[in-house]
Amino acid sequence: SFADSSLLNERKRRDREERSNIVLWRRPLVTLQYFFLETLINLKEWTIKLWHRRSILVSFLLTVAVLTATYYVEGRHQQYVRYMEKKFFWCAYWVGLGILSSVGLGTGLHTFLLYLGPHIASVTLAAYECNSVNFPEPPYPDQIICPDEEATDGAISLWAIISKVRLEACMWGAGTAIGELPPYFMARAARLSGAEPDDEEYQEFEEMLEHAETAQDFASRAKLAVQNLVQKVGFFGILACASIPNPLFDLAGITCGHFLVPFWTFFGATLIGKAVIKMHIQAMMFSFLQKLFVIITFSKHIVEQMVSLIGAIPSIGPSLQKPFQEYLEAQRIKLHHRSDSGVPQGENWLSWMFEKLVIVMVCYFILSIINSMAQSYAKRLQQKMYSEEKTK
């Protein structure tokens, strides 16, 4: 029995290694073939599920038909329709970025640093430079233009800036909460079915439970502390873990799924923690740091010192000095715009590099989806082989 178990584990290990080699840059034809086959299987499964839920589908289609008619029929309601359309797509954009942040955008890169952080920074810079947060809509947030009226000194506070970006931050936090659901559902389904999912995080969680008493290293003790907090305290334990920047929160989702914590207990605490509490903490900290940046950046003598220090860097200093100075000056000109000004916006090489970085990350995310679905189909084939061997 022990020998059979060892052989089975060794075979599973080889199968995992074989699946990990099914990627576009190693086996492109096989990967694309498996991807399309897995896509067809998923479409078939979703079609069957929708057919079993015909009443929900019909209600959804009727709702879409009513909304479509409301959208295209002329009338006084069109101003409200356009407003709701703009808000809906704006919220969906930030929710989508939050989901991508939880799943790592394919590489583990946080979309807070790519999108929400720069958005808060842009609003903070404009608020202190314009001495107001009453940016006209439109064009905000596509372009920040200082209002014509002058606000009184001292009117800008961190809370005013947070209120200006609260919608975006809350939607992003809600997206991160939605992105935490896959580990929960995976662990819950595994516990109810008694299966052993081929997932590294879940296997690590099972090993941690087995060796919980003998764990000595800091990482294992930290994971065990999160697991105990979530398991024993329940709703408020999940809320505490979700309310602070916590790289181990995926373990909380696996723990809740493994111990069959009710869905709304897990998701409700996660949503409140990430979309309300953590959002305000992150936004306040980022706005405060950006306030210091504003004070440093827009103080003329400090800027001159920074530019001179950059120029002192060997080899690359002189080449970075001029673009950095031009970037700061462009930001000053941009933030001093009034609603009646038409100063053209020049493209900076930093913005160009940032845009290309985002494009690369999105492409890598798409490639990771293709590889993941191809590996899922390979796993189906291996499981089918196991089943056929057992029946012989």
Protein backbone atom coordinates (compact mmCIF):
# COMPACT_ATOMS: atom_id res chain seq x y z
CA SER A 1 0.00 0.00 0.00
CA PHE A 2 2.82 2.39 0.87
CA ALA A 3 4.57 1.55 -2.42
CA ASP A 4 1.37 2.16 -4.40
CA SER A 5 0.90 5.53 -2.68
CA SER A 6 4.49 6.54 -3.47
CA LEU A 7 4.08 5.53 -7.11
CA LEU A 8 0.82 7.47 -7.35
CA ASN A 9 2.37 10.60 -5.88
CA GLU A 10 5.35 10.31 -8.21
CA ARG A 11 3.03 9.93 -11.19
CA LYS A 12 1.02 12.98 -10.17
CA ARG A 13 4.24 14.96 -9.85
CA ARG A 14 5.29 13.94 -13.38
CA ASP A 15 1.84 14.84 -14.70
CA ARG A 16 2.09 18.30 -13.14
CA GLU A 17 5.49 18.82 -14.73
CA GLU A 18 4.15 17.70 -18.08
CA ARG A 19 1.23 20.12 -17.84
CA SER A 20 3.52 22.98 -16.86
CA ASN A 21 5.36 22.53 -20.17
CA ILE A 22 2.17 23.17 -22.15
CA VAL A 23 2.75 26.86 -22.82
CA LEU A 24 2.76 28.92 -26.01
CA TRP A 25 6.51 29.53 -26.07
CA ARG A 26 7.33 25.80 -25.76
CA ARG A 27 4.52 23.90 -27.47
CA PRO A 28 2.46 26.50 -29.37
CA LEU A 29 0.39 24.16 -31.56
CA VAL A 30 -0.56 21.80 -28.73
CA THR A 31 -1.32 24.74 -26.44
CA LEU A 32 -3.63 26.41 -28.96
CA GLN A 33 -5.37 23.12 -29.73
CA TYR A 34 -5.99 22.37 -26.06
CA PHE A 35 -7.11 25.97 -25.46
CA PHE A 36 -9.81 25.79 -28.16
CA LEU A 37 -10.97 22.37 -26.97
CA GLU A 38 -11.20 23.58 -23.37
CA THR A 39 -13.09 26.66 -24.55
CA LEU A 40 -15.65 24.47 -26.34
CA ILE A 41 -16.08 22.29 -23.25
CA ASN A 42 -16.62 25.35 -21.05
CA LEU A 43 -19.14 26.80 -23.49
CA LYS A 44 -21.01 23.51 -23.49
CA GLU A 45 -21.05 23.38 -19.67
CA TRP A 46 -22.23 27.00 -19.39
CA THR A 47 -24.96 26.35 -21.96
CA ILE A 48 -26.23 23.37 -19.96
CA LYS A 49 -26.20 25.41 -16.74
CA LEU A 50 -28.12 28.25 -18.41
CA TRP A 51 -30.66 25.77 -19.77
CA HIS A 52 -31.29 24.45 -16.25
CA ARG A 53 -31.82 28.05 -15.11
CA ARG A 54 -34.13 29.12 -17.89
CA SER A 55 -36.32 31.31 -15.68
CA ILE A 56 -33.33 33.40 -14.55
CA LEU A 57 -32.09 33.65 -18.13
CA VAL A 58 -35.52 34.80 -19.41
CA SER A 59 -35.75 37.41 -16.65
CA PHE A 60 -32.28 38.66 -17.51
CA LEU A 61 -33.09 38.91 -21.22
CA LEU A 62 -36.33 40.80 -20.49
CA THR A 63 -34.42 43.23 -18.27
CA VAL A 64 -31.84 43.78 -21.01
CA ALA A 65 -34.63 44.36 -23.54
CA VAL A 66 -36.30 46.97 -21.31
CA LEU A 67 -32.98 48.74 -20.68
CA THR A 68 -32.19 48.70 -24.41
CA ALA A 69 -35.55 50.24 -25.26
CA THR A 70 -35.06 52.88 -22.57
CA TYR A 71 -31.61 53.64 -23.96
CA TYR A 72 -32.72 54.20 -27.58
CA VAL A 73 -36.17 55.78 -27.11
CA GLU A 74 -35.96 59.58 -27.15
CA GLY A 75 -37.33 61.57 -24.24
CA ARG A 76 -36.54 63.58 -21.13
CA HIS A 77 -35.10 60.51 -19.49
CA GLN A 78 -32.12 60.49 -21.86
CA GLN A 79 -30.08 62.85 -19.68
CA TYR A 80 -30.41 60.41 -16.78
CA VAL A 81 -29.68 57.47 -19.07
CA ARG A 82 -26.44 59.07 -20.29
CA TYR A 83 -25.42 59.87 -16.72
CA MET A 84 -26.09 56.30 -15.54
CA GLU A 85 -24.30 54.89 -18.60
CA LYS A 86 -21.18 56.92 -17.82
CA LYS A 87 -21.22 55.93 -14.14
CA PHE A 88 -21.87 52.27 -14.91
CA PHE A 89 -18.92 51.90 -17.28
CA TRP A 90 -16.69 53.93 -14.97
CA CYS A 91 -17.56 51.66 -12.02
CA ALA A 92 -17.21 48.51 -14.14
CA TYR A 93 -13.75 49.67 -15.21
CA TRP A 94 -12.53 49.96 -11.61
CA VAL A 95 -14.24 46.73 -10.51
CA GLY A 96 -12.49 44.93 -13.35
CA LEU A 97 -9.14 46.38 -12.31
CA GLY A 98 -9.79 45.22 -8.75
CA ILE A 99 -10.52 41.68 -9.93
CA LEU A 100 -7.31 41.70 -11.98
CA SER A 101 -5.45 42.89 -8.91
CA SER A 102 -6.62 39.91 -6.85
CA VAL A 103 -5.71 37.43 -9.56
CA GLY A 104 -2.40 39.21 -10.09
CA LEU A 105 -2.89 40.43 -13.69
CA GLY A 106 -1.17 37.21 -14.68
CA THR A 107 2.12 38.22 -13.04
CA GLY A 108 1.33 39.25 -9.47
CA LEU A 109 1.61 42.97 -10.29
CA HIS A 110 -0.85 45.00 -8.26
CA THR A 111 -3.21 47.22 -10.27
CA PHE A 112 -3.26 49.66 -7.36
CA LEU A 113 0.27 50.65 -8.38
CA LEU A 114 -0.64 50.73 -12.06
CA TYR A 115 -3.99 52.53 -12.02
CA LEU A 116 -5.62 53.50 -8.73
CA GLY A 117 -2.45 54.89 -7.14
CA PRO A 118 -1.63 57.15 -10.12
CA HIS A 119 -5.28 58.26 -10.24
CA ILE A 120 -5.20 59.27 -6.56
CA ALA A 121 -1.84 60.95 -7.14
CA SER A 122 -3.22 62.91 -10.08
CA VAL A 123 -6.24 64.11 -8.11
CA THR A 124 -4.04 65.01 -5.11
CA LEU A 125 -1.61 67.00 -7.26
CA ALA A 126 -4.46 68.85 -8.96
CA ALA A 127 -6.25 69.54 -5.67
CA TYR A 128 -3.24 71.22 -4.08
CA GLU A 129 -2.22 73.05 -7.25
CA CYS A 130 -5.74 74.28 -8.05
CA ASN A 131 -6.60 74.72 -4.35
CA SER A 132 -9.92 73.01 -5.07
CA VAL A 133 -11.44 69.61 -5.78
CA ASN A 134 -14.32 71.00 -7.85
CA PHE A 135 -12.98 69.69 -11.13
CA PRO A 136 -15.68 70.08 -13.79
CA GLU A 137 -17.32 66.97 -15.24
CA PRO A 138 -16.68 66.51 -18.09
CA PRO A 139 -13.74 66.32 -18.77
CA TYR A 140 -12.70 64.99 -15.32
CA PRO A 141 -11.42 62.30 -14.88
CA ASP A 142 -10.16 62.13 -18.48
CA GLN A 143 -8.41 65.47 -18.00
CA ILE A 144 -8.15 67.52 -14.82
CA ILE A 145 -8.82 71.21 -15.44
CA CYS A 146 -8.75 73.70 -12.59
CA PRO A 147 -12.08 75.49 -12.02
CA ASP A 148 -12.39 79.21 -12.70
CA GLU A 149 -13.38 80.11 -9.16
CA GLU A 150 -10.66 80.28 -6.54
CA ALA A 151 -11.11 78.35 -3.30
CA THR A 152 -10.10 79.74 0.07
CA ASP A 153 -6.71 78.83 1.46
CA GLY A 154 -6.67 75.74 3.60
CA ALA A 155 -9.80 74.33 1.97
CA ILE A 156 -7.98 71.20 0.76
CA SER A 157 -7.80 68.38 3.26
CA LEU A 158 -7.01 64.70 2.99
CA TRP A 159 -10.66 63.88 3.61
CA ALA A 160 -11.74 66.13 0.71
CA ILE A 161 -9.36 64.30 -1.62
CA ILE A 162 -10.54 60.91 -0.35
CA SER A 163 -14.14 61.98 -0.96
CA LYS A 164 -13.19 62.89 -4.53
CA VAL A 165 -11.75 59.43 -5.25
CA ARG A 166 -14.07 57.41 -2.99
CA LEU A 167 -16.17 55.96 -5.83
CA GLU A 168 -13.13 54.70 -7.75
CA ALA A 169 -11.46 53.31 -4.62
CA CYS A 170 -14.63 51.58 -3.40
CA MET A 171 -15.26 49.97 -6.78
CA TRP A 172 -11.63 48.82 -6.95
CA GLY A 173 -11.94 47.37 -3.43
CA ALA A 174 -15.16 45.58 -4.40
CA GLY A 175 -13.34 44.09 -7.38
CA THR A 176 -10.55 42.77 -5.16
CA ALA A 177 -13.20 41.16 -2.93
CA ILE A 178 -14.76 39.43 -5.95
CA GLY A 179 -11.31 38.25 -7.02
CA GLU A 180 -10.88 36.45 -3.68
CA LEU A 181 -13.81 34.12 -4.38
CA PRO A 182 -12.05 31.48 -6.58
CA PRO A 183 -9.84 30.14 -3.70
CA TYR A 184 -12.94 29.99 -1.48
CA PHE A 185 -15.05 28.06 -4.01
CA MET A 186 -12.16 25.75 -4.90
CA ALA A 187 -11.53 24.75 -1.28
CA ARG A 188 -15.26 24.45 -0.52
CA ALA A 189 -15.90 22.20 -3.53
CA ALA A 190 -12.90 20.04 -2.61
CA ARG A 191 -14.11 19.63 0.98
CA LEU A 192 -17.68 18.74 -0.05
CA SER A 193 -16.61 16.27 -2.74
CA GLY A 194 -13.67 14.80 -0.86
CA ALA A 195 -11.44 15.33 -3.91
CA GLU A 196 -7.83 16.47 -3.85
CA PRO A 197 -7.56 19.46 -6.21
CA ASP A 198 -4.31 19.85 -8.09
CA ASP A 199 -3.67 23.31 -6.70
CA GLU A 200 -0.38 24.29 -5.09
CA GLU A 201 -1.92 26.72 -2.59
CA TYR A 202 -4.49 24.17 -1.46
CA GLN A 203 -1.85 21.44 -1.13
CA GLU A 204 0.30 23.85 0.87
CA PHE A 205 -2.70 24.54 3.10
CA GLU A 206 -3.27 20.80 3.67
CA GLU A 207 0.40 20.31 4.54
CA MET A 208 0.26 23.25 6.94
CA LEU A 209 -2.70 21.68 8.75
CA GLU A 210 -0.82 18.39 9.06
CA HIS A 211 2.34 20.00 10.46
CA ALA A 212 0.69 22.85 12.37
CA GLU A 213 2.09 21.86 15.74
CA THR A 214 5.70 21.45 14.59
CA ALA A 215 5.94 24.58 12.38
CA GLN A 216 8.77 26.83 13.54
CA ASP A 217 9.56 29.26 10.69
CA PHE A 218 7.96 32.70 10.62
CA ALA A 219 6.03 32.18 7.35
CA SER A 220 4.36 28.99 8.60
CA ARG A 221 3.47 30.58 11.93
CA ALA A 222 2.03 33.65 10.16
CA LYS A 223 -0.12 31.46 7.90
CA LEU A 224 -1.24 29.42 10.90
CA ALA A 225 -2.15 32.60 12.76
CA VAL A 226 -4.33 33.76 9.88
CA GLN A 227 -5.97 30.36 9.65
CA ASN A 228 -6.71 30.28 13.41
CA LEU A 229 -8.03 33.84 13.40
CA VAL A 230 -10.42 33.16 10.54
CA GLN A 231 -11.53 29.78 11.88
CA LYS A 232 -12.13 30.81 15.50
CA VAL A 233 -13.32 34.43 15.24
CA GLY A 234 -15.40 34.00 12.08
CA PHE A 235 -16.89 37.14 10.52
CA PHE A 236 -14.78 39.61 12.50
CA GLY A 237 -11.62 37.57 11.91
CA ILE A 238 -12.20 37.68 8.15
CA LEU A 239 -12.99 41.40 8.44
CA ALA A 240 -9.73 42.02 10.28
CA CYS A 241 -7.68 40.12 7.69
CA ALA A 242 -9.39 41.89 4.78
CA SER A 243 -9.08 45.39 6.29
CA ILE A 244 -5.29 45.55 6.22
CA PRO A 245 -2.77 44.97 3.41
CA ASN A 246 -2.37 41.23 3.83
CA PRO A 247 -0.52 39.05 1.28
CA LEU A 248 -1.78 35.93 3.09
CA PHE A 249 -5.47 36.68 2.50
CA ASP A 250 -5.69 33.97 -0.18
CA LEU A 251 -5.11 31.57 2.70
CA ALA A 252 -8.14 33.07 4.47
CA GLY A 253 -10.29 32.28 1.43
CA ILE A 254 -9.01 28.69 1.31
CA THR A 255 -9.55 28.36 5.07
CA CYS A 256 -13.16 29.61 4.85
CA GLY A 257 -13.90 27.27 1.97
CA HIS A 258 -12.22 24.29 3.68
CA PHE A 259 -14.16 24.77 6.93
CA LEU A 260 -17.42 25.47 5.02
CA VAL A 261 -17.87 29.04 6.25
CA PRO A 262 -21.15 30.39 4.77
CA PHE A 263 -20.68 32.34 1.56
CA TRP A 264 -22.23 35.59 2.74
CA THR A 265 -20.20 35.51 5.95
CA PHE A 266 -16.98 35.27 3.92
CA PHE A 267 -17.93 37.60 1.06
CA GLY A 268 -19.71 40.15 3.27
CA ALA A 269 -16.74 40.52 5.61
CA THR A 270 -14.32 40.61 2.66
CA LEU A 271 -16.38 43.24 0.84
CA ILE A 272 -16.67 45.51 3.89
CA GLY A 273 -13.01 45.09 4.77
CA LYS A 274 -11.59 45.68 1.29
CA ALA A 275 -14.09 48.13 -0.23
CA VAL A 276 -14.69 50.32 2.85
CA ILE A 277 -12.08 50.03 5.60
CA LYS A 278 -8.96 49.13 3.63
CA MET A 279 -9.91 51.55 0.87
CA HIS A 280 -9.93 54.53 3.27
CA ILE A 281 -6.66 53.46 4.89
CA GLN A 282 -4.87 53.07 1.55
CA ALA A 283 -6.30 56.26 0.06
CA MET A 284 -5.41 58.30 3.14
CA MET A 285 -1.85 56.97 3.28
CA PHE A 286 -1.32 57.46 -0.44
CA SER A 287 -2.80 60.98 -0.37
CA PHE A 288 -0.57 61.93 2.56
CA LEU A 289 2.54 60.68 0.77
CA GLN A 290 1.43 62.49 -2.36
CA LYS A 291 0.97 65.68 -0.34
CA LEU A 292 4.61 65.46 0.73
CA PHE A 293 5.52 64.87 -2.91
CA VAL A 294 3.61 68.01 -3.92
CA ILE A 295 5.43 70.09 -1.32
CA ILE A 296 8.81 68.76 -2.48
CA THR A 297 8.14 68.77 -6.20
CA PHE A 298 6.65 72.25 -6.50
CA SER A 299 9.20 73.97 -4.28
CA LYS A 300 11.51 75.55 -6.82
CA HIS A 301 14.76 75.30 -4.87
CA ILE A 302 14.11 71.64 -3.93
CA VAL A 303 13.40 70.79 -7.58
CA GLU A 304 16.64 72.42 -8.64
CA GLN A 305 18.53 70.40 -6.04
CA MET A 306 16.88 67.16 -7.21
CA VAL A 307 17.71 67.90 -10.85
CA SER A 308 21.32 68.66 -9.96
CA LEU A 309 21.58 65.41 -7.96
CA ILE A 310 20.22 63.43 -10.90
CA GLY A 311 22.77 65.08 -13.17
CA ALA A 312 25.54 63.93 -10.85
CA ILE A 313 24.76 60.25 -11.52
CA PRO A 314 27.63 58.77 -13.54
CA SER A 315 27.00 57.92 -17.21
CA ILE A 316 23.18 58.20 -17.27
CA GLY A 317 22.73 61.31 -15.10
CA PRO A 318 22.99 64.01 -17.81
CA SER A 319 20.63 62.09 -20.11
CA LEU A 320 17.98 61.75 -17.34
CA GLN A 321 18.31 65.32 -16.09
CA LYS A 322 16.54 67.09 -18.94
CA PRO A 323 13.57 64.65 -19.35
CA PHE A 324 12.95 64.72 -15.58
CA GLN A 325 12.92 68.52 -15.51
CA GLU A 326 10.65 68.66 -18.57
CA TYR A 327 8.26 66.17 -16.96
CA LEU A 328 7.91 68.26 -13.78
CA GLU A 329 7.41 71.43 -15.79
CA ALA A 330 4.79 69.74 -17.96
CA GLN A 331 2.90 68.67 -14.84
CA ARG A 332 2.96 72.21 -13.51
CA ILE A 333 1.62 73.61 -16.79
CA LYS A 334 -1.00 70.88 -17.00
CA LEU A 335 -2.28 71.49 -13.49
CA HIS A 336 -2.45 75.26 -14.03
CA HIS A 337 -4.90 74.84 -16.90
CA ARG A 338 -8.14 76.74 -16.66
CA SER A 339 -11.37 75.84 -18.39
CA ASP A 340 -10.79 78.46 -21.12
CA SER A 341 -7.21 77.45 -21.89
CA GLY A 342 -6.29 75.32 -24.84
CA VAL A 343 -2.67 74.47 -24.18
CA PRO A 344 -1.78 71.29 -26.07
CA GLN A 345 -0.55 68.33 -24.08
CA GLY A 346 2.82 66.94 -25.15
CA GLU A 347 3.70 63.28 -24.68
CA ASN A 348 6.47 62.52 -22.23
CA TRP A 349 8.78 59.52 -22.49
CA LEU A 350 7.79 58.44 -18.96
CA SER A 351 4.14 58.29 -20.01
CA TRP A 352 5.13 56.41 -23.17
CA MET A 353 7.06 53.82 -21.13
CA PHE A 354 4.18 53.43 -18.68
CA GLU A 355 1.68 52.82 -21.50
CA LYS A 356 3.93 50.21 -23.07
CA LEU A 357 4.37 48.52 -19.68
CA VAL A 358 0.60 48.27 -19.28
CA ILE A 359 0.25 46.81 -22.80
CA VAL A 360 2.92 44.20 -22.04
CA MET A 361 1.21 43.24 -18.77
CA VAL A 362 -2.19 42.88 -20.45
CA CYS A 363 -0.69 40.74 -23.23
CA TYR A 364 1.01 38.53 -20.66
CA PHE A 365 -2.30 38.21 -18.81
CA ILE A 366 -4.01 37.01 -22.01
CA LEU A 367 -1.21 34.54 -22.66
CA SER A 368 -1.49 33.22 -19.11
CA ILE A 369 -5.23 32.61 -19.64
CA ILE A 370 -4.51 30.64 -22.83
CA ASN A 371 -1.82 28.58 -21.08
CA SER A 372 -4.03 27.96 -18.05
CA MET A 373 -6.98 26.74 -20.12
CA ALA A 374 -4.71 24.50 -22.21
CA GLN A 375 -3.29 22.99 -19.02
CA SER A 376 -6.83 22.46 -17.72
CA TYR A 377 -7.64 20.41 -20.81
CA ALA A 378 -4.44 18.40 -20.35
CA LYS A 379 -5.55 17.71 -16.78
CA ARG A 380 -8.90 16.46 -18.11
CA LEU A 381 -7.08 14.00 -20.37
CA GLN A 382 -4.93 12.74 -17.48
CA GLN A 383 -7.94 12.30 -15.21
CA LYS A 384 -9.74 10.42 -17.98
CA MET A 385 -6.71 8.13 -18.26
CA TYR A 386 -6.80 7.49 -14.49
CA SER A 387 -10.49 6.59 -14.68
CA GLU A 388 -9.94 4.16 -17.56
CA GLU A 389 -7.10 2.44 -15.70
CA LYS A 390 -9.27 2.00 -12.59
CA THR A 391 -12.07 0.36 -14.59
CA LYS A 392 -9.72 -2.23 -16.14
